[in-house]
Amino acid sequence: MPAVKAITLNEPWYARLPQNAAPHSPAALLIESMGQSAGLLALDTLARFTESGGRGERLMLVGTVADVRLGRPVGPGELVVHRVRLPRTVGETLFFER
């Protein structure tokens, strides 16, 4: 499932950057947006395989984020495309890859 994140100067953390600092998005925010993409895929997947259509209260937990490599810094005006896939499920436990 592809998901797109637009990087803009409106994000609050840019306001705290020093004047001459390069405005690149922190790796943690990029990893978080990748996790949000996985969360959307999880909701869609669970909705297809549950009697209630995925409705009701659910709590999503991230177990591990491993071997993450970011290609290059990204800054305002750029789009980041996350491609997340679901290669395996065990009950309601979902394992994602990019």
PDB file of N, CA and C in Angstrom:
ATOM      1  N   MET A   1       0.849  -1.170   0.000  1.00  0.00           N
ATOM      2  CA  MET A   1       0.000   0.000   0.000  1.00  0.00           C
ATOM      3  C   MET A   1       0.895   1.233   0.000  1.00  0.00           C
ATOM      4  N   PRO A   2       0.825   2.061  -1.032  1.00  0.00           N
ATOM      5  CA  PRO A   2       1.600   3.302  -0.999  1.00  0.00           C
ATOM      6  C   PRO A   2       0.859   4.400  -0.232  1.00  0.00           C
ATOM      7  N   ALA A   3       1.599   5.191   0.498  1.00  0.00           N
ATOM      8  CA  ALA A   3       1.056   6.352   1.200  1.00  0.00           C
ATOM      9  C   ALA A   3       2.033   7.501   0.984  1.00  0.00           C
ATOM     10  N   VAL A   4       1.520   8.701   0.853  1.00  0.00           N
ATOM     11  CA  VAL A   4       2.349   9.866   0.551  1.00  0.00           C
ATOM     12  C   VAL A   4       2.334  10.835   1.727  1.00  0.00           C
ATOM     13  N   LYS A   5       3.513  11.326   2.095  1.00  0.00           N
ATOM     14  CA  LYS A   5       3.640  12.365   3.126  1.00  0.00           C
ATOM     15  C   LYS A   5       4.266  13.582   2.469  1.00  0.00           C
ATOM     16  N   ALA A   6       3.591  14.714   2.574  1.00  0.00           N
ATOM     17  CA  ALA A   6       4.131  15.978   2.063  1.00  0.00           C
ATOM     18  C   ALA A   6       4.917  16.650   3.189  1.00  0.00           C
ATOM     19  N   ILE A   7       6.148  16.990   2.912  1.00  0.00           N
ATOM     20  CA  ILE A   7       6.989  17.685   3.887  1.00  0.00           C
ATOM     21  C   ILE A   7       6.766  19.185   3.691  1.00  0.00           C
ATOM     22  N   THR A   8       6.341  19.876   4.749  1.00  0.00           N
ATOM     23  CA  THR A   8       6.076  21.312   4.647  1.00  0.00           C
ATOM     24  C   THR A   8       6.761  22.056   5.793  1.00  0.00           C
ATOM     25  N   LEU A   9       6.937  23.350   5.594  1.00  0.00           N
ATOM     26  CA  LEU A   9       7.520  24.193   6.646  1.00  0.00           C
ATOM     27  C   LEU A   9       6.535  24.457   7.784  1.00  0.00           C
ATOM     28  N   ASN A  10       5.284  24.035   7.631  1.00  0.00           N
ATOM     29  CA  ASN A  10       4.273  24.250   8.668  1.00  0.00           C
ATOM     30  C   ASN A  10       4.429  23.313   9.856  1.00  0.00           C
ATOM     31  N   GLU A  11       5.290  22.314   9.752  1.00  0.00           N
ATOM     32  CA  GLU A  11       5.462  21.382  10.859  1.00  0.00           C
ATOM     33  C   GLU A  11       6.147  22.106  12.016  1.00  0.00           C
ATOM     34  N   PRO A  12       5.625  21.924  13.237  1.00  0.00           N
ATOM     35  CA  PRO A  12       6.069  22.723  14.386  1.00  0.00           C
ATOM     36  C   PRO A  12       7.570  22.656  14.680  1.00  0.00           C
ATOM     37  N   TRP A  13       8.195  21.560  14.413  1.00  0.00           N
ATOM     38  CA  TRP A  13       9.608  21.438  14.795  1.00  0.00           C
ATOM     39  C   TRP A  13      10.502  22.346  13.959  1.00  0.00           C
ATOM     40  N   TYR A  14      10.078  22.757  12.767  1.00  0.00           N
ATOM     41  CA  TYR A  14      10.875  23.675  11.950  1.00  0.00           C
ATOM     42  C   TYR A  14      11.032  25.039  12.618  1.00  0.00           C
ATOM     43  N   ALA A  15      10.050  25.462  13.410  1.00  0.00           N
ATOM     44  CA  ALA A  15      10.097  26.773  14.064  1.00  0.00           C
ATOM     45  C   ALA A  15      11.251  26.875  15.060  1.00  0.00           C
ATOM     46  N   ARG A  16      11.722  25.747  15.580  1.00  0.00           N
ATOM     47  CA  ARG A  16      12.795  25.761  16.580  1.00  0.00           C
ATOM     48  C   ARG A  16      14.187  25.618  15.973  1.00  0.00           C
ATOM     49  N   LEU A  17      14.282  25.518  14.661  1.00  0.00           N
ATOM     50  CA  LEU A  17      15.596  25.376  14.025  1.00  0.00           C
ATOM     51  C   LEU A  17      16.352  26.701  14.049  1.00  0.00           C
ATOM     52  N   PRO A  18      17.654  26.653  14.221  1.00  0.00           N
ATOM     53  CA  PRO A  18      18.449  27.872  14.093  1.00  0.00           C
ATOM     54  C   PRO A  18      18.338  28.438  12.673  1.00  0.00           C
ATOM     55  N   GLN A  19      18.571  29.722  12.522  1.00  0.00           N
ATOM     56  CA  GLN A  19      18.406  30.407  11.235  1.00  0.00           C
ATOM     57  C   GLN A  19      19.161  29.747  10.080  1.00  0.00           C
ATOM     58  N   ASN A  20      20.408  29.342  10.301  1.00  0.00           N
ATOM     59  CA  ASN A  20      21.224  28.835   9.196  1.00  0.00           C
ATOM     60  C   ASN A  20      21.215  27.304   9.090  1.00  0.00           C
ATOM     61  N   ALA A  21      20.358  26.628   9.820  1.00  0.00           N
ATOM     62  CA  ALA A  21      20.305  25.158   9.784  1.00  0.00           C
ATOM     63  C   ALA A  21      19.551  24.681   8.546  1.00  0.00           C
ATOM     64  N   ALA A  22      20.004  23.574   7.980  1.00  0.00           N
ATOM     65  CA  ALA A  22      19.313  22.974   6.834  1.00  0.00           C
ATOM     66  C   ALA A  22      18.001  22.351   7.324  1.00  0.00           C
ATOM     67  N   PRO A  23      16.881  22.694   6.695  1.00  0.00           N
ATOM     68  CA  PRO A  23      15.579  22.199   7.173  1.00  0.00           C
ATOM     69  C   PRO A  23      15.271  20.790   6.673  1.00  0.00           C
ATOM     70  N   HIS A  24      15.879  19.785   7.281  1.00  0.00           N
ATOM     71  CA  HIS A  24      15.609  18.401   6.916  1.00  0.00           C
ATOM     72  C   HIS A  24      14.715  17.765   7.972  1.00  0.00           C
ATOM     73  N   SER A  25      13.837  16.897   7.511  1.00  0.00           N
ATOM     74  CA  SER A  25      12.954  16.195   8.449  1.00  0.00           C
ATOM     75  C   SER A  25      13.756  15.196   9.273  1.00  0.00           C
ATOM     76  N   PRO A  26      13.513  15.133  10.573  1.00  0.00           N
ATOM     77  CA  PRO A  26      14.210  14.158  11.408  1.00  0.00           C
ATOM     78  C   PRO A  26      13.828  12.722  11.023  1.00  0.00           C
ATOM     79  N   ALA A  27      14.781  11.834  11.141  1.00  0.00           N
ATOM     80  CA  ALA A  27      14.544  10.427  10.807  1.00  0.00           C
ATOM     81  C   ALA A  27      13.376   9.863  11.609  1.00  0.00           C
ATOM     82  N   ALA A  28      13.254  10.247  12.877  1.00  0.00           N
ATOM     83  CA  ALA A  28      12.174   9.722  13.726  1.00  0.00           C
ATOM     84  C   ALA A  28      10.798  10.060  13.150  1.00  0.00           C
ATOM     85  N   LEU A  29      10.643  11.258  12.578  1.00  0.00           N
ATOM     86  CA  LEU A  29       9.352  11.630  11.993  1.00  0.00           C
ATOM     87  C   LEU A  29       9.068  10.841  10.722  1.00  0.00           C
ATOM     88  N   LEU A  30      10.104  10.551   9.958  1.00  0.00           N
ATOM     89  CA  LEU A  30       9.914   9.752   8.746  1.00  0.00           C
ATOM     90  C   LEU A  30       9.549   8.311   9.103  1.00  0.00           C
ATOM     91  N   ILE A  31      10.175   7.776  10.135  1.00  0.00           N
ATOM     92  CA  ILE A  31       9.845   6.420  10.582  1.00  0.00           C
ATOM     93  C   ILE A  31       8.420   6.392  11.139  1.00  0.00           C
ATOM     94  N   GLU A  32       8.039   7.448  11.853  1.00  0.00           N
ATOM     95  CA  GLU A  32       6.669   7.526  12.373  1.00  0.00           C
ATOM     96  C   GLU A  32       5.657   7.535  11.230  1.00  0.00           C
ATOM     97  N   SER A  33       5.920   8.294  10.182  1.00  0.00           N
ATOM     98  CA  SER A  33       4.968   8.339   9.068  1.00  0.00           C
ATOM     99  C   SER A  33       4.911   6.990   8.348  1.00  0.00           C
ATOM    100  N   MET A  34       6.025   6.266   8.317  1.00  0.00           N
ATOM    101  CA  MET A  34       6.009   4.920   7.743  1.00  0.00           C
ATOM    102  C   MET A  34       5.125   4.007   8.603  1.00  0.00           C
ATOM    103  N   GLY A  35       5.218   4.148   9.916  1.00  0.00           N
ATOM    104  CA  GLY A  35       4.376   3.370  10.826  1.00  0.00           C
ATOM    105  C   GLY A  35       2.902   3.700  10.663  1.00  0.00           C
ATOM    106  N   GLN A  36       2.598   4.958  10.412  1.00  0.00           N
ATOM    107  CA  GLN A  36       1.211   5.350  10.180  1.00  0.00           C
ATOM    108  C   GLN A  36       0.683   4.706   8.904  1.00  0.00           C
ATOM    109  N   SER A  37       1.527   4.598   7.895  1.00  0.00           N
ATOM    110  CA  SER A  37       1.137   3.913   6.652  1.00  0.00           C
ATOM    111  C   SER A  37       0.825   2.449   6.937  1.00  0.00           C
ATOM    112  N   ALA A  38       1.656   1.810   7.756  1.00  0.00           N
ATOM    113  CA  ALA A  38       1.415   0.417   8.134  1.00  0.00           C
ATOM    114  C   ALA A  38       0.116   0.307   8.922  1.00  0.00           C
ATOM    115  N   GLY A  39      -0.174   1.288   9.760  1.00  0.00           N
ATOM    116  CA  GLY A  39      -1.417   1.292  10.528  1.00  0.00           C
ATOM    117  C   GLY A  39      -2.644   1.344   9.636  1.00  0.00           C
ATOM    118  N   LEU A  40      -2.579   2.136   8.565  1.00  0.00           N
ATOM    119  CA  LEU A  40      -3.698   2.190   7.611  1.00  0.00           C
ATOM    120  C   LEU A  40      -3.895   0.839   6.936  1.00  0.00           C
ATOM    121  N   LEU A  41      -2.797   0.203   6.556  1.00  0.00           N
ATOM    122  CA  LEU A  41      -2.887  -1.119   5.943  1.00  0.00           C
ATOM    123  C   LEU A  41      -3.459  -2.125   6.942  1.00  0.00           C
ATOM    124  N   ALA A  42      -3.062  -2.021   8.209  1.00  0.00           N
ATOM    125  CA  ALA A  42      -3.576  -2.923   9.242  1.00  0.00           C
ATOM    126  C   ALA A  42      -5.087  -2.763   9.396  1.00  0.00           C
ATOM    127  N   LEU A  43      -5.558  -1.526   9.472  1.00  0.00           N
ATOM    128  CA  LEU A  43      -7.002  -1.299   9.610  1.00  0.00           C
ATOM    129  C   LEU A  43      -7.768  -1.866   8.432  1.00  0.00           C
ATOM    130  N   ASP A  44      -7.245  -1.665   7.235  1.00  0.00           N
ATOM    131  CA  ASP A  44      -7.895  -2.175   6.030  1.00  0.00           C
ATOM    132  C   ASP A  44      -7.904  -3.703   6.036  1.00  0.00           C
ATOM    133  N   THR A  45      -6.783  -4.302   6.399  1.00  0.00           N
ATOM    134  CA  THR A  45      -6.673  -5.766   6.427  1.00  0.00           C
ATOM    135  C   THR A  45      -7.608  -6.369   7.464  1.00  0.00           C
ATOM    136  N   LEU A  46      -7.605  -5.827   8.677  1.00  0.00           N
ATOM    137  CA  LEU A  46      -8.462  -6.365   9.736  1.00  0.00           C
ATOM    138  C   LEU A  46      -9.945  -6.173   9.414  1.00  0.00           C
ATOM    139  N   ALA A  47     -10.280  -5.090   8.726  1.00  0.00           N
ATOM    140  CA  ALA A  47     -11.677  -4.855   8.351  1.00  0.00           C
ATOM    141  C   ALA A  47     -12.172  -5.935   7.395  1.00  0.00           C
ATOM    142  N   ARG A  48     -11.283  -6.438   6.552  1.00  0.00           N
ATOM    143  CA  ARG A  48     -11.685  -7.472   5.595  1.00  0.00           C
ATOM    144  C   ARG A  48     -11.849  -8.845   6.238  1.00  0.00           C
ATOM    145  N   PHE A  49     -11.152  -9.080   7.359  1.00  0.00           N
ATOM    146  CA  PHE A  49     -11.138 -10.418   7.935  1.00  0.00           C
ATOM    147  C   PHE A  49     -11.864 -10.550   9.271  1.00  0.00           C
ATOM    148  N   THR A  50     -12.575  -9.523   9.686  1.00  0.00           N
ATOM    149  CA  THR A  50     -13.308  -9.632  10.948  1.00  0.00           C
ATOM    150  C   THR A  50     -14.800  -9.491  10.694  1.00  0.00           C
ATOM    151  N   GLU A  51     -15.596 -10.139  11.523  1.00  0.00           N
ATOM    152  CA  GLU A  51     -17.046 -10.101  11.365  1.00  0.00           C
ATOM    153  C   GLU A  51     -17.606  -8.700  11.514  1.00  0.00           C
ATOM    154  N   SER A  52     -16.996  -7.897  12.377  1.00  0.00           N
ATOM    155  CA  SER A  52     -17.523  -6.552  12.624  1.00  0.00           C
ATOM    156  C   SER A  52     -17.064  -5.558  11.566  1.00  0.00           C
ATOM    157  N   GLY A  53     -16.328  -6.031  10.569  1.00  0.00           N
ATOM    158  CA  GLY A  53     -15.842  -5.117   9.545  1.00  0.00           C
ATOM    159  C   GLY A  53     -14.727  -4.231  10.053  1.00  0.00           C
ATOM    160  N   GLY A  54     -14.051  -4.654  11.116  1.00  0.00           N
ATOM    161  CA  GLY A  54     -12.937  -3.877  11.645  1.00  0.00           C
ATOM    162  C   GLY A  54     -13.353  -2.769  12.579  1.00  0.00           C
ATOM    163  N   ARG A  55     -14.664  -2.652  12.833  1.00  0.00           N
ATOM    164  CA  ARG A  55     -15.120  -1.591  13.737  1.00  0.00           C
ATOM    165  C   ARG A  55     -14.907  -2.009  15.183  1.00  0.00           C
ATOM    166  N   GLY A  56     -14.932  -1.041  16.051  1.00  0.00           N
ATOM    167  CA  GLY A  56     -14.737  -1.316  17.467  1.00  0.00           C
ATOM    168  C   GLY A  56     -13.399  -0.761  17.911  1.00  0.00           C
ATOM    169  N   GLU A  57     -13.147  -0.888  19.175  1.00  0.00           N
ATOM    170  CA  GLU A  57     -11.911  -0.334  19.714  1.00  0.00           C
ATOM    171  C   GLU A  57     -10.754  -1.279  19.465  1.00  0.00           C
ATOM    172  N   ARG A  58      -9.659  -0.722  19.013  1.00  0.00           N
ATOM    173  CA  ARG A  58      -8.441  -1.489  18.768  1.00  0.00           C
ATOM    174  C   ARG A  58      -7.267  -0.666  19.259  1.00  0.00           C
ATOM    175  N   LEU A  59      -6.245  -1.356  19.680  1.00  0.00           N
ATOM    176  CA  LEU A  59      -5.011  -0.714  20.110  1.00  0.00           C
ATOM    177  C   LEU A  59      -3.882  -1.278  19.261  1.00  0.00           C
ATOM    178  N   MET A  60      -3.175  -0.408  18.575  1.00  0.00           N
ATOM    179  CA  MET A  60      -2.048  -0.856  17.759  1.00  0.00           C
ATOM    180  C   MET A  60      -0.757  -0.587  18.511  1.00  0.00           C
ATOM    181  N   LEU A  61       0.096  -1.577  18.553  1.00  0.00           N
ATOM    182  CA  LEU A  61       1.399  -1.452  19.192  1.00  0.00           C
ATOM    183  C   LEU A  61       2.477  -1.823  18.186  1.00  0.00           C
ATOM    184  N   VAL A  62       3.565  -1.101  18.222  1.00  0.00           N
ATOM    185  CA  VAL A  62       4.711  -1.429  17.374  1.00  0.00           C
ATOM    186  C   VAL A  62       5.656  -2.277  18.200  1.00  0.00           C
ATOM    187  N   GLY A  63       5.978  -3.454  17.680  1.00  0.00           N
ATOM    188  CA  GLY A  63       6.877  -4.346  18.396  1.00  0.00           C
ATOM    189  C   GLY A  63       8.331  -4.011  18.140  1.00  0.00           C
ATOM    190  N   THR A  64       8.691  -3.833  16.881  1.00  0.00           N
ATOM    191  CA  THR A  64      10.083  -3.587  16.518  1.00  0.00           C
ATOM    192  C   THR A  64      10.149  -2.813  15.213  1.00  0.00           C
ATOM    193  N   VAL A  65      11.093  -1.922  15.147  1.00  0.00           N
ATOM    194  CA  VAL A  65      11.461  -1.281  13.883  1.00  0.00           C
ATOM    195  C   VAL A  65      12.941  -1.591  13.719  1.00  0.00           C
ATOM    196  N   ALA A  66      13.270  -2.367  12.697  1.00  0.00           N
ATOM    197  CA  ALA A  66      14.649  -2.837  12.553  1.00  0.00           C
ATOM    198  C   ALA A  66      15.180  -2.583  11.147  1.00  0.00           C
ATOM    199  N   ASP A  67      16.474  -2.397  11.065  1.00  0.00           N
ATOM    200  CA  ASP A  67      17.191  -2.262   9.790  1.00  0.00           C
ATOM    201  C   ASP A  67      16.638  -1.136   8.915  1.00  0.00           C
ATOM    202  N   VAL A  68      16.282  -0.024   9.526  1.00  0.00           N
ATOM    203  CA  VAL A  68      15.767   1.114   8.763  1.00  0.00           C
ATOM    204  C   VAL A  68      16.940   1.890   8.174  1.00  0.00           C
ATOM    205  N   ARG A  69      16.883   2.112   6.880  1.00  0.00           N
ATOM    206  CA  ARG A  69      17.875   2.938   6.208  1.00  0.00           C
ATOM    207  C   ARG A  69      17.129   3.995   5.402  1.00  0.00           C
ATOM    208  N   LEU A  70      17.476   5.224   5.617  1.00  0.00           N
ATOM    209  CA  LEU A  70      16.860   6.312   4.868  1.00  0.00           C
ATOM    210  C   LEU A  70      17.813   6.694   3.744  1.00  0.00           C
ATOM    211  N   GLY A  71      17.270   6.848   2.560  1.00  0.00           N
ATOM    212  CA  GLY A  71      18.105   7.102   1.390  1.00  0.00           C
ATOM    213  C   GLY A  71      18.839   8.432   1.422  1.00  0.00           C
ATOM    214  N   ARG A  72      18.145   9.494   1.798  1.00  0.00           N
ATOM    215  CA  ARG A  72      18.744  10.827   1.839  1.00  0.00           C
ATOM    216  C   ARG A  72      17.860  11.739   2.668  1.00  0.00           C
ATOM    217  N   PRO A  73      18.391  12.864   3.098  1.00  0.00           N
ATOM    218  CA  PRO A  73      17.554  13.813   3.835  1.00  0.00           C
ATOM    219  C   PRO A  73      16.442  14.369   2.931  1.00  0.00           C
ATOM    220  N   VAL A  74      15.288  14.628   3.507  1.00  0.00           N
ATOM    221  CA  VAL A  74      14.194  15.258   2.763  1.00  0.00           C
ATOM    222  C   VAL A  74      13.802  16.539   3.480  1.00  0.00           C
ATOM    223  N   GLY A  75      13.385  17.505   2.699  1.00  0.00           N
ATOM    224  CA  GLY A  75      13.041  18.801   3.266  1.00  0.00           C
ATOM    225  C   GLY A  75      11.723  19.328   2.738  1.00  0.00           C
ATOM    226  N   PRO A  76      11.369  20.529   3.141  1.00  0.00           N
ATOM    227  CA  PRO A  76      10.108  21.146   2.739  1.00  0.00           C
ATOM    228  C   PRO A  76       9.952  21.180   1.218  1.00  0.00           C
ATOM    229  N   GLY A  77       8.740  20.895   0.781  1.00  0.00           N
ATOM    230  CA  GLY A  77       8.434  20.895  -0.648  1.00  0.00           C
ATOM    231  C   GLY A  77       8.573  19.523  -1.292  1.00  0.00           C
ATOM    232  N   GLU A  78       9.041  18.545  -0.543  1.00  0.00           N
ATOM    233  CA  GLU A  78       9.223  17.203  -1.100  1.00  0.00           C
ATOM    234  C   GLU A  78       8.102  16.270  -0.648  1.00  0.00           C
ATOM    235  N   LEU A  79       7.866  15.249  -1.455  1.00  0.00           N
ATOM    236  CA  LEU A  79       6.904  14.208  -1.115  1.00  0.00           C
ATOM    237  C   LEU A  79       7.671  12.933  -0.800  1.00  0.00           C
ATOM    238  N   VAL A  80       7.279  12.280   0.271  1.00  0.00           N
ATOM    239  CA  VAL A  80       7.865  10.989   0.642  1.00  0.00           C
ATOM    240  C   VAL A  80       6.786   9.936   0.387  1.00  0.00           C
ATOM    241  N   VAL A  81       7.129   8.913  -0.392  1.00  0.00           N
ATOM    242  CA  VAL A  81       6.189   7.835  -0.676  1.00  0.00           C
ATOM    243  C   VAL A  81       6.629   6.609   0.119  1.00  0.00           C
ATOM    244  N   HIS A  82       5.743   6.136   0.985  1.00  0.00           N
ATOM    245  CA  HIS A  82       5.992   4.915   1.756  1.00  0.00           C
ATOM    246  C   HIS A  82       5.257   3.774   1.065  1.00  0.00           C
ATOM    247  N   ARG A  83       5.969   2.710   0.799  1.00  0.00           N
ATOM    248  CA  ARG A  83       5.339   1.508   0.242  1.00  0.00           C
ATOM    249  C   ARG A  83       5.454   0.414   1.295  1.00  0.00           C
ATOM    250  N   VAL A  84       4.321   0.042   1.847  1.00  0.00           N
ATOM    251  CA  VAL A  84       4.285  -0.933   2.935  1.00  0.00           C
ATOM    252  C   VAL A  84       3.546  -2.168   2.442  1.00  0.00           C
ATOM    253  N   ARG A  85       4.069  -3.333   2.778  1.00  0.00           N
ATOM    254  CA  ARG A  85       3.362  -4.563   2.421  1.00  0.00           C
ATOM    255  C   ARG A  85       3.234  -5.456   3.643  1.00  0.00           C
ATOM    256  N   LEU A  86       2.294  -6.355   3.559  1.00  0.00           N
ATOM    257  CA  LEU A  86       1.962  -7.250   4.668  1.00  0.00           C
ATOM    258  C   LEU A  86       2.249  -8.682   4.222  1.00  0.00           C
ATOM    259  N   PRO A  87       3.457  -9.189   4.486  1.00  0.00           N
ATOM    260  CA  PRO A  87       3.783 -10.530   4.012  1.00  0.00           C
ATOM    261  C   PRO A  87       3.247 -11.664   4.892  1.00  0.00           C
ATOM    262  N   ARG A  88       2.903 -11.351   6.178  1.00  0.00           N
ATOM    263  CA  ARG A  88       2.523 -12.442   7.075  1.00  0.00           C
ATOM    264  C   ARG A  88       1.632 -11.933   8.193  1.00  0.00           C
ATOM    265  N   THR A  89       0.669 -12.769   8.566  1.00  0.00           N
ATOM    266  CA  THR A  89      -0.171 -12.497   9.730  1.00  0.00           C
ATOM    267  C   THR A  89      -0.243 -13.760  10.581  1.00  0.00           C
ATOM    268  N   VAL A  90      -0.358 -13.563  11.879  1.00  0.00           N
ATOM    269  CA  VAL A  90      -0.585 -14.662  12.817  1.00  0.00           C
ATOM    270  C   VAL A  90      -1.711 -14.182  13.733  1.00  0.00           C
ATOM    271  N   GLY A  91      -2.905 -14.672  13.488  1.00  0.00           N
ATOM    272  CA  GLY A  91      -4.063 -14.169  14.218  1.00  0.00           C
ATOM    273  C   GLY A  91      -4.248 -12.695  13.881  1.00  0.00           C
ATOM    274  N   GLU A  92      -4.289 -11.873  14.924  1.00  0.00           N
ATOM    275  CA  GLU A  92      -4.398 -10.426  14.695  1.00  0.00           C
ATOM    276  C   GLU A  92      -3.035  -9.743  14.778  1.00  0.00           C
ATOM    277  N   THR A  93      -1.955 -10.520  14.750  1.00  0.00           N
ATOM    278  CA  THR A  93      -0.614  -9.940  14.733  1.00  0.00           C
ATOM    279  C   THR A  93      -0.175  -9.816  13.275  1.00  0.00           C
ATOM    280  N   LEU A  94       0.225  -8.618  12.893  1.00  0.00           N
ATOM    281  CA  LEU A  94       0.578  -8.341  11.504  1.00  0.00           C
ATOM    282  C   LEU A  94       2.071  -8.003  11.414  1.00  0.00           C
ATOM    283  N   PHE A  95       2.712  -8.524  10.398  1.00  0.00           N
ATOM    284  CA  PHE A  95       4.134  -8.280  10.161  1.00  0.00           C
ATOM    285  C   PHE A  95       4.270  -7.511   8.849  1.00  0.00           C
ATOM    286  N   PHE A  96       4.887  -6.339   8.928  1.00  0.00           N
ATOM    287  CA  PHE A  96       5.000  -5.470   7.758  1.00  0.00           C
ATOM    288  C   PHE A  96       6.436  -5.417   7.249  1.00  0.00           C
ATOM    289  N   GLU A  97       6.550  -5.130   5.963  1.00  0.00           N
ATOM    290  CA  GLU A  97       7.831  -4.849   5.320  1.00  0.00           C
ATOM    291  C   GLU A  97       7.630  -3.658   4.402  1.00  0.00           C
ATOM    292  N   ARG A  98       8.738  -3.063   4.062  1.00  0.00           N
ATOM    293  CA  ARG A  98       8.631  -1.999   3.063  1.00  0.00           C
ATOM    294  C   ARG A  98       9.350  -2.397   1.817  1.00  0.00           C
TER     295      ARG A  98
END
